[in-house]
Amino acid sequence: MSTGLSSLVSASGASLTGTVTPRGAATDGSFCYGTASNLAGWTLVVITPQVSATDPGTTISTTLTSLLASTIYYYRASGVNSVGTTDGMIRSFTTSAGSGVVAGRQAVAGRRAVEAVLLLSRPRLRRRWFRPRRCRR
């Protein structure tokens, strides 16, 4: 069992992939995801159809929707069969800030980062320049 990378991450959705290796027993593939790094309070997405017992390895995928913008989500792929449960490693992705916000690569901290997001999220103010203070060493 392995957890793949996320892709097509937007303000409200993302695509997840994983690989299921049944090892002799038909296997149900699934993903669990949530906002806690230990996946407490997770949501389960079961992938159908079941992976055949003779399959050497199958890629599973799902698309998540209705996610919150600017939020870190954690996820992992799992496989369950008559032998037991195997979990892939936990990975994460961050949804984008949402409509009208341009994500910059400039490092700003604390209050200044919040001001930058607020400035960029207002359409009529979007053309203004934002000059962060220099970071203290």
Protein backbone atom coordinates (compact mmCIF):
# COMPACT_ATOMS: atom_id res chain seq x y z
CA MET A 1 0.00 0.00 0.00
CA SER A 2 1.35 3.41 -0.88
CA THR A 3 -0.08 6.91 -0.81
CA GLY A 4 0.53 8.93 -3.96
CA LEU A 5 0.91 12.65 -4.39
CA SER A 6 -2.07 14.99 -4.57
CA SER A 7 -2.77 16.89 -7.78
CA LEU A 8 -5.18 19.42 -9.26
CA VAL A 9 -5.41 21.19 -5.89
CA SER A 10 -7.78 24.16 -5.96
CA ALA A 11 -9.57 26.28 -3.35
CA SER A 12 -12.26 23.63 -2.91
CA GLY A 13 -10.90 20.33 -4.20
CA ALA A 14 -8.00 17.99 -4.91
CA SER A 15 -7.27 14.66 -6.58
CA LEU A 16 -5.59 11.87 -4.61
CA THR A 17 -3.85 8.70 -5.81
CA GLY A 18 -2.50 5.57 -4.20
CA THR A 19 -1.40 2.06 -5.09
CA VAL A 20 -3.01 -1.12 -3.75
CA THR A 21 -1.08 -4.40 -3.86
CA PRO A 22 -3.54 -7.16 -2.77
CA ARG A 23 -1.01 -9.99 -2.18
CA GLY A 24 -3.41 -12.87 -2.65
CA ALA A 25 -6.70 -11.52 -1.24
CA ALA A 26 -9.31 -9.27 -2.86
CA THR A 27 -8.76 -5.80 -1.39
CA ASP A 28 -10.89 -2.73 -0.78
CA GLY A 29 -8.96 0.47 -1.41
CA SER A 30 -9.82 3.69 0.39
CA PHE A 31 -8.59 7.13 1.36
CA CYS A 32 -9.10 8.91 4.64
CA TYR A 33 -8.55 12.64 4.91
CA GLY A 34 -8.99 15.47 7.38
CA THR A 35 -7.42 18.61 8.81
CA ALA A 36 -5.64 16.95 11.76
CA SER A 37 -2.10 15.73 11.08
CA ASN A 38 -2.89 12.44 12.86
CA LEU A 39 -6.13 12.11 10.84
CA ALA A 40 -8.32 12.35 13.97
CA GLY A 41 -11.90 13.04 12.90
CA TRP A 42 -11.13 11.81 9.37
CA THR A 43 -13.53 11.28 6.48
CA LEU A 44 -13.43 7.96 4.59
CA VAL A 45 -13.73 7.57 0.80
CA VAL A 46 -14.05 3.93 -0.33
CA ILE A 47 -12.88 3.16 -3.86
CA THR A 48 -14.88 0.72 -5.99
CA PRO A 49 -14.55 -1.81 -7.52
CA GLN A 50 -12.57 -4.08 -5.24
CA VAL A 51 -9.00 -4.86 -6.38
CA SER A 52 -8.66 -8.47 -7.54
CA ALA A 53 -6.58 -10.90 -5.45
CA THR A 54 -4.38 -11.71 -8.46
CA ASP A 55 -3.67 -8.10 -9.41
CA PRO A 56 0.03 -7.22 -8.98
CA GLY A 57 -0.83 -3.62 -8.07
CA THR A 58 -3.56 -1.16 -8.97
CA THR A 59 -3.60 2.61 -8.86
CA ILE A 60 -6.62 4.00 -7.05
CA SER A 61 -7.75 7.61 -7.19
CA THR A 62 -10.48 9.93 -6.01
CA THR A 63 -11.40 13.58 -6.31
CA LEU A 64 -12.27 15.48 -3.15
CA THR A 65 -14.75 18.37 -3.36
CA SER A 66 -16.29 20.90 -0.98
CA LEU A 67 -13.00 21.53 0.81
CA LEU A 68 -12.24 24.76 2.68
CA ALA A 69 -9.94 27.30 1.01
CA SER A 70 -6.49 28.02 2.48
CA THR A 71 -6.57 24.87 4.59
CA ILE A 72 -4.00 22.12 5.12
CA TYR A 73 -5.49 18.66 4.56
CA TYR A 74 -3.84 15.38 5.49
CA TYR A 75 -4.62 12.09 3.73
CA ARG A 76 -3.51 8.50 3.29
CA ALA A 77 -4.46 5.50 1.19
CA SER A 78 -5.46 2.23 2.87
CA GLY A 79 -6.11 -1.32 1.80
CA VAL A 80 -8.39 -3.74 3.69
CA ASN A 81 -8.77 -7.47 2.99
CA SER A 82 -9.19 -10.77 4.86
CA VAL A 83 -5.53 -10.64 5.94
CA GLY A 84 -5.81 -7.21 7.58
CA THR A 85 -5.44 -3.49 6.98
CA THR A 86 -2.41 -1.76 5.50
CA ASP A 87 -2.07 2.02 5.54
CA GLY A 88 0.13 4.14 3.33
CA MET A 89 2.04 7.08 4.76
CA ILE A 90 0.22 10.29 5.63
CA ARG A 91 0.73 13.12 3.13
CA SER A 92 -0.65 16.64 2.97
CA PHE A 93 -1.71 19.39 0.60
CA THR A 94 -2.94 22.95 1.06
CA THR A 95 -5.96 24.25 -0.78
CA SER A 96 -5.50 27.55 -2.53
CA ALA A 97 -6.80 30.81 -1.10
CA GLY A 98 -9.79 31.06 -3.40
CA SER A 99 -11.20 33.30 -6.06
CA GLY A 100 -9.23 36.41 -6.89
CA VAL A 101 -6.23 35.73 -4.66
CA VAL A 102 -2.83 35.51 -6.25
CA ALA A 103 -0.47 33.31 -4.27
CA GLY A 104 2.93 34.98 -4.02
CA ARG A 105 6.31 33.41 -3.34
CA GLN A 106 7.52 36.26 -1.18
CA ALA A 107 8.00 35.27 2.44
CA VAL A 108 6.08 37.48 4.81
CA ALA A 109 5.33 36.68 8.42
CA GLY A 110 2.59 37.20 10.97
CA ARG A 111 0.31 40.20 10.54
CA ARG A 112 1.90 41.20 7.25
CA ALA A 113 0.96 37.87 5.65
CA VAL A 114 -2.65 38.36 6.68
CA GLU A 115 -2.61 41.91 5.29
CA ALA A 116 -1.25 40.62 1.97
CA VAL A 117 -4.02 38.04 1.66
CA LEU A 118 -6.70 40.57 2.55
CA LEU A 119 -5.32 43.08 0.06
CA LEU A 120 -5.16 40.56 -2.76
CA SER A 121 -8.61 39.13 -2.07
CA ARG A 122 -10.36 42.46 -2.68
CA PRO A 123 -10.85 42.87 -6.45
CA ARG A 124 -10.81 46.68 -6.47
CA LEU A 125 -7.59 46.77 -4.42
CA ARG A 126 -5.79 43.99 -6.24
CA ARG A 127 -3.64 46.37 -8.31
CA ARG A 128 -2.05 48.03 -5.28
CA TRP A 129 1.47 47.09 -4.36
CA PHE A 130 2.21 45.45 -1.07
CA ARG A 131 5.64 46.10 0.42
CA PRO A 132 6.45 43.88 3.40
CA ARG A 133 8.94 45.00 6.03
CA ARG A 134 12.32 43.38 5.93
CA CYS A 135 12.70 40.32 8.12
CA ARG A 136 14.84 40.76 11.24
CA ARG A 137 17.79 38.48 11.57
